[in-house]
Amino acid sequence: MVTDSTSCIPVSLATQWGITVVPTQIRIGQYTRSEHNVPKDVLVRALEGDMDVSTSPPDPAGLAWAYEQQAARGAEEVVSVHISSKQSETYDLAKKIAARSPVPVHVVDSRTTGMSLGFAVLAAARVAGAGGGPRRVMDMLARRLEGAAELIYVDTLEYLRKGGRIGAAAALIGSALSLKPLLTMKNGQVTPLDRVLGTERAMRRLVDRAAKKANGQAVDVAIEHFGALDRAERLADRLKPKLPGVREITFTEVSSTIGVHLGPGAVGITVSPT
């Protein structure tokens, strides 16, 4: 299994399941680096200081190395799963690099990002680890990606607008400042979910939406944030009583690439039926 860093998979889990995570890239001013080499506090200050910040797909050499590494480990085939092609050129780049791989590579457009992508990759890796072939791995991926939901709060839509990733959520621009947007991913794009008066009400609505999505099912859940640890912790405290059947809630800071487009203060809940 290969994926990119927008999957937000914790390093320990990627190592445990033999997943190669290729970092996307961040540009601040004139300098472009792997997102893993850009400290989160530096990035937050750059965004809040209105510096010129943008993102780009992984270094092509990094993707080529990922496929070669998996082949060297004994993989006969590789499944490479990436952020929505409507949000990044990573999928198209992976297809080009895969054509030169020493083993066959199945490149998948997840049509999402964040832990919706991460949970699907982890589930597929477990199938592969149990001896499942590419078809069973791809079937698991499709099922988990289809059922997952990203529920996102942002303080402002300005960062999505600047990055050109706003999609259908552009319709919300111009709303009163007190109306806080809730977003989701639909058909590979950022899409409006709701508008709520004030941040606290928005947090409550986010929790209610997550509980409704879970609907008593067996689910994997993640609380994600960017530069908003306290807000995310309060969100987790509100969510836990609403999901008595959930096995575990993964708590993580999102990929810096995602953070560039959501902006400081963003929080989200991923609900992925198992």
Protein backbone atom coordinates (compact mmCIF):
# COMPACT_ATOMS: atom_id res chain seq x y z
CA MET A 1 0.00 0.00 0.00
CA VAL A 2 1.14 3.51 -0.91
CA THR A 3 -0.66 6.76 -0.14
CA ASP A 4 0.15 10.45 0.26
CA SER A 5 0.41 12.46 3.46
CA THR A 6 -3.06 13.99 3.13
CA SER A 7 -4.33 10.62 4.42
CA CYS A 8 -3.22 11.81 7.91
CA ILE A 9 -2.30 8.24 8.95
CA PRO A 10 -0.31 8.26 12.21
CA VAL A 11 3.29 7.19 11.64
CA SER A 12 2.99 4.25 14.05
CA LEU A 13 0.05 2.77 12.13
CA ALA A 14 1.69 3.28 8.74
CA THR A 15 4.77 1.44 10.02
CA GLN A 16 2.73 -1.34 11.59
CA TRP A 17 0.88 -2.11 8.35
CA GLY A 18 3.75 -1.52 5.92
CA ILE A 19 2.15 1.52 4.27
CA THR A 20 4.48 3.91 2.46
CA VAL A 21 3.30 7.51 2.93
CA VAL A 22 4.70 9.95 0.37
CA PRO A 23 4.71 13.58 1.55
CA THR A 24 3.08 16.31 -0.46
CA GLN A 25 4.90 19.65 -0.68
CA ILE A 26 4.46 23.11 0.85
CA ARG A 27 5.74 26.37 -0.61
CA ILE A 28 6.24 29.37 1.68
CA GLY A 29 7.48 32.37 -0.26
CA GLN A 30 10.21 31.14 -2.62
CA TYR A 31 10.98 27.91 -0.77
CA THR A 32 9.32 24.54 -1.40
CA ARG A 33 9.82 21.64 0.99
CA SER A 34 8.29 18.29 1.82
CA GLU A 35 5.42 18.97 4.22
CA HIS A 36 7.14 16.74 6.77
CA ASN A 37 9.97 19.29 6.88
CA VAL A 38 7.75 22.30 7.53
CA PRO A 39 7.04 22.73 11.27
CA LYS A 40 3.34 23.27 11.94
CA ASP A 41 3.95 26.39 14.04
CA VAL A 42 6.00 27.95 11.22
CA LEU A 43 3.22 27.22 8.74
CA VAL A 44 0.50 28.62 11.02
CA ARG A 45 2.47 31.85 11.47
CA ALA A 46 2.97 32.13 7.71
CA LEU A 47 -0.75 31.70 7.07
CA GLU A 48 -1.80 34.11 9.79
CA GLY A 49 0.79 36.59 8.51
CA ASP A 50 -0.78 36.45 5.03
CA MET A 51 2.43 35.17 3.45
CA ASP A 52 2.38 33.52 0.02
CA VAL A 53 1.71 29.84 0.86
CA SER A 54 0.70 27.09 -1.55
CA THR A 55 0.79 23.30 -1.93
CA SER A 56 1.88 20.88 -4.62
CA PRO A 57 1.93 17.10 -5.23
CA PRO A 58 4.74 14.89 -3.94
CA ASP A 59 8.18 15.01 -5.49
CA PRO A 60 8.00 12.56 -8.45
CA ALA A 61 11.20 10.93 -7.21
CA GLY A 62 9.47 10.24 -3.90
CA LEU A 63 6.63 8.40 -5.60
CA ALA A 64 9.05 6.41 -7.76
CA TRP A 65 11.04 5.48 -4.65
CA ALA A 66 7.83 4.39 -2.87
CA TYR A 67 6.98 1.90 -5.61
CA GLU A 68 10.55 0.66 -5.82
CA GLN A 69 10.69 0.26 -2.04
CA GLN A 70 7.53 -1.83 -1.97
CA ALA A 71 8.88 -4.01 -4.78
CA ALA A 72 12.15 -4.45 -2.88
CA ARG A 73 10.15 -5.60 0.16
CA GLY A 74 8.67 -8.37 -1.98
CA ALA A 75 5.41 -6.83 -3.14
CA GLU A 76 4.20 -8.35 -6.40
CA GLU A 77 1.64 -5.56 -6.94
CA VAL A 78 1.05 -2.15 -5.34
CA VAL A 79 -2.18 -0.28 -4.60
CA SER A 80 -1.54 3.48 -4.54
CA VAL A 81 -4.41 5.59 -3.13
CA HIS A 82 -4.46 9.39 -3.22
CA ILE A 83 -6.26 12.63 -2.42
CA SER A 84 -9.19 13.55 -4.69
CA SER A 85 -8.07 14.41 -8.22
CA LYS A 86 -10.36 17.46 -8.02
CA GLN A 87 -8.25 18.80 -5.14
CA SER A 88 -4.74 17.91 -6.30
CA GLU A 89 -2.70 16.68 -9.27
CA THR A 90 -1.24 13.89 -7.10
CA TYR A 91 -3.42 11.17 -8.66
CA ASP A 92 -2.40 12.12 -12.22
CA LEU A 93 1.26 12.26 -11.20
CA ALA A 94 1.03 8.84 -9.54
CA LYS A 95 -0.38 7.32 -12.72
CA LYS A 96 2.57 8.63 -14.73
CA ILE A 97 5.13 7.35 -12.22
CA ALA A 98 3.32 4.01 -11.89
CA ALA A 99 3.83 3.34 -15.59
CA ARG A 100 7.58 3.04 -14.88
CA SER A 101 7.27 0.96 -11.71
CA PRO A 102 9.11 -2.40 -11.51
CA VAL A 103 5.80 -4.02 -10.42
CA PRO A 104 2.18 -3.35 -11.45
CA VAL A 105 0.62 -0.39 -9.60
CA HIS A 106 -3.13 0.15 -9.22
CA VAL A 107 -3.60 3.90 -8.78
CA VAL A 108 -6.85 4.94 -7.06
CA ASP A 109 -8.52 8.36 -6.89
CA SER A 110 -10.07 8.36 -3.41
CA ARG A 111 -12.27 11.39 -4.19
CA THR A 112 -11.71 12.51 -0.62
CA THR A 113 -8.91 13.35 1.80
CA GLY A 114 -8.06 13.31 5.51
CA MET A 115 -8.89 10.30 7.65
CA SER A 116 -11.67 9.22 5.27
CA LEU A 117 -8.74 8.35 3.02
CA GLY A 118 -6.61 7.21 5.95
CA PHE A 119 -9.14 4.77 7.42
CA ALA A 120 -9.75 3.25 3.97
CA VAL A 121 -6.03 2.74 3.36
CA LEU A 122 -5.57 1.17 6.80
CA ALA A 123 -8.51 -1.21 6.23
CA ALA A 124 -7.14 -2.19 2.82
CA ALA A 125 -3.66 -2.73 4.29
CA ARG A 126 -5.12 -5.10 6.87
CA VAL A 127 -6.74 -7.10 4.06
CA ALA A 128 -3.42 -7.25 2.23
CA GLY A 129 -1.63 -8.23 5.44
CA ALA A 130 -4.05 -11.13 5.85
CA GLY A 131 -3.13 -12.42 2.40
CA GLY A 132 -5.83 -10.75 0.33
CA GLY A 133 -5.07 -10.14 -3.32
CA PRO A 134 -5.45 -6.85 -5.21
CA ARG A 135 -9.13 -7.41 -5.97
CA ARG A 136 -10.05 -7.92 -2.32
CA VAL A 137 -7.91 -4.94 -1.33
CA MET A 138 -9.60 -2.74 -3.95
CA ASP A 139 -13.06 -3.95 -2.88
CA MET A 140 -12.31 -2.97 0.73
CA LEU A 141 -11.04 0.41 -0.39
CA ALA A 142 -14.16 1.08 -2.41
CA ARG A 143 -16.46 0.10 0.45
CA ARG A 144 -14.71 2.21 3.06
CA LEU A 145 -14.35 5.23 0.79
CA GLU A 146 -18.01 5.06 -0.20
CA GLY A 147 -19.26 4.97 3.38
CA ALA A 148 -17.00 7.59 4.96
CA ALA A 149 -17.86 11.20 5.72
CA GLU A 150 -15.68 14.25 6.38
CA LEU A 151 -17.46 16.88 8.51
CA ILE A 152 -15.41 20.09 8.67
CA TYR A 153 -15.57 23.42 10.48
CA VAL A 154 -13.48 26.40 9.35
CA ASP A 155 -13.24 29.86 10.88
CA THR A 156 -13.17 31.40 7.40
CA LEU A 157 -13.46 30.31 3.78
CA GLU A 158 -10.65 32.65 2.79
CA TYR A 159 -7.93 29.98 2.76
CA LEU A 160 -10.00 27.66 0.54
CA ARG A 161 -10.66 30.58 -1.79
CA LYS A 162 -6.98 31.50 -2.00
CA GLY A 163 -5.98 27.93 -2.78
CA GLY A 164 -8.65 27.45 -5.43
CA ARG A 165 -10.07 24.40 -3.59
CA ILE A 166 -13.38 25.93 -2.58
CA GLY A 167 -15.63 24.14 -5.10
CA ALA A 168 -19.35 24.43 -4.41
CA ALA A 169 -18.62 26.07 -1.05
CA ALA A 170 -17.95 29.30 -2.98
CA ALA A 171 -21.67 29.90 -2.67
CA LEU A 172 -21.15 30.61 1.04
CA ILE A 173 -18.72 33.50 0.46
CA GLY A 174 -20.30 36.78 1.46
CA SER A 175 -22.24 35.30 4.39
CA ALA A 176 -22.36 37.33 7.58
CA LEU A 177 -19.20 36.91 9.66
CA SER A 178 -21.21 35.41 12.52
CA LEU A 179 -22.45 32.59 10.27
CA LYS A 180 -19.89 29.78 10.51
CA PRO A 181 -19.62 27.30 7.61
CA LEU A 182 -19.69 23.53 8.01
CA LEU A 183 -18.30 21.65 5.02
CA THR A 184 -18.01 18.13 3.69
CA MET A 185 -16.47 16.28 0.74
CA LYS A 186 -18.90 15.28 -2.01
CA ASN A 187 -18.03 14.01 -5.49
CA GLY A 188 -14.40 14.81 -4.79
CA GLN A 189 -14.96 18.48 -3.94
CA VAL A 190 -15.40 20.63 -0.84
CA THR A 191 -19.15 21.16 -0.51
CA PRO A 192 -21.36 23.16 1.87
CA LEU A 193 -22.98 21.15 4.64
CA ASP A 194 -24.56 23.82 6.85
CA ARG A 195 -24.26 27.39 8.15
CA VAL A 196 -24.57 28.00 11.87
CA LEU A 197 -24.70 31.19 13.94
CA GLY A 198 -21.55 31.31 16.07
CA THR A 199 -18.66 28.93 16.71
CA GLU A 200 -20.12 27.13 19.73
CA ARG A 201 -23.35 26.32 17.93
CA ALA A 202 -21.29 25.15 14.96
CA MET A 203 -19.40 22.72 17.22
CA ARG A 204 -22.64 21.31 18.57
CA ARG A 205 -24.03 20.93 15.06
CA LEU A 206 -20.84 19.17 13.96
CA VAL A 207 -21.20 16.65 16.78
CA ASP A 208 -24.89 16.10 16.01
CA ARG A 209 -24.09 15.52 12.33
CA ALA A 210 -21.39 12.98 13.24
CA ALA A 211 -23.71 11.10 15.59
CA LYS A 212 -26.39 10.99 12.91
CA LYS A 213 -23.90 9.67 10.37
CA ALA A 214 -22.73 6.95 12.77
CA ASN A 215 -26.37 5.97 13.46
CA GLY A 216 -25.42 3.21 15.88
CA GLN A 217 -23.18 1.44 13.34
CA ALA A 218 -19.70 0.10 14.00
CA VAL A 219 -17.54 3.02 12.93
CA ASP A 220 -14.01 4.34 13.00
CA VAL A 221 -13.96 7.98 14.12
CA ALA A 222 -11.24 10.62 13.98
CA ILE A 223 -11.08 14.12 15.42
CA GLU A 224 -8.81 16.24 13.24
CA HIS A 225 -7.60 19.80 13.68
CA PHE A 226 -5.13 22.37 12.40
CA GLY A 227 -3.67 24.71 14.98
CA ALA A 228 -6.75 24.22 17.17
CA LEU A 229 -5.83 21.64 19.82
CA ASP A 230 -8.08 23.05 22.56
CA ARG A 231 -11.07 23.28 20.25
CA ALA A 232 -10.51 19.71 19.04
CA GLU A 233 -10.27 18.40 22.61
CA ARG A 234 -13.57 20.07 23.52
CA LEU A 235 -15.10 18.58 20.37
CA ALA A 236 -13.91 15.10 21.39
CA ASP A 237 -15.41 15.52 24.87
CA ARG A 238 -18.77 16.37 23.32
CA LEU A 239 -18.64 13.57 20.79
CA LYS A 240 -17.73 10.61 23.00
CA PRO A 241 -21.06 10.43 24.87
CA LYS A 242 -22.90 10.52 21.53
CA LEU A 243 -21.09 7.42 20.24
CA PRO A 244 -21.29 4.80 23.01
CA GLY A 245 -20.53 1.95 20.61
CA VAL A 246 -17.39 3.37 19.00
CA ARG A 247 -14.25 1.35 19.68
CA GLU A 248 -11.77 4.21 19.61
CA ILE A 249 -11.54 7.84 18.54
CA THR A 250 -8.34 8.69 16.69
CA PHE A 251 -7.11 12.18 17.57
CA THR A 252 -4.75 13.80 15.07
CA GLU A 253 -3.54 17.07 13.57
CA VAL A 254 -4.25 17.12 9.86
CA SER A 255 -1.68 17.09 7.10
CA SER A 256 -0.09 20.50 6.61
CA THR A 257 -1.28 20.42 3.01
CA ILE A 258 -4.87 20.20 4.19
CA GLY A 259 -4.18 22.86 6.81
CA VAL A 260 -3.02 25.34 4.18
CA HIS A 261 -6.45 25.19 2.55
CA LEU A 262 -8.63 25.02 5.68
CA GLY A 263 -6.66 27.54 7.70
CA PRO A 264 -5.75 27.76 11.40
CA GLY A 265 -8.64 26.96 13.73
CA ALA A 266 -10.16 24.29 11.50
CA VAL A 267 -11.50 21.12 13.10
CA GLY A 268 -13.21 18.10 11.65
CA ILE A 269 -14.77 14.75 12.40
CA THR A 270 -14.33 11.72 10.18
CA VAL A 271 -16.92 8.95 10.46
CA SER A 272 -16.01 5.76 8.59
CA PRO A 273 -18.38 2.76 8.92
CA THR A 274 -16.41 -0.45 9.28
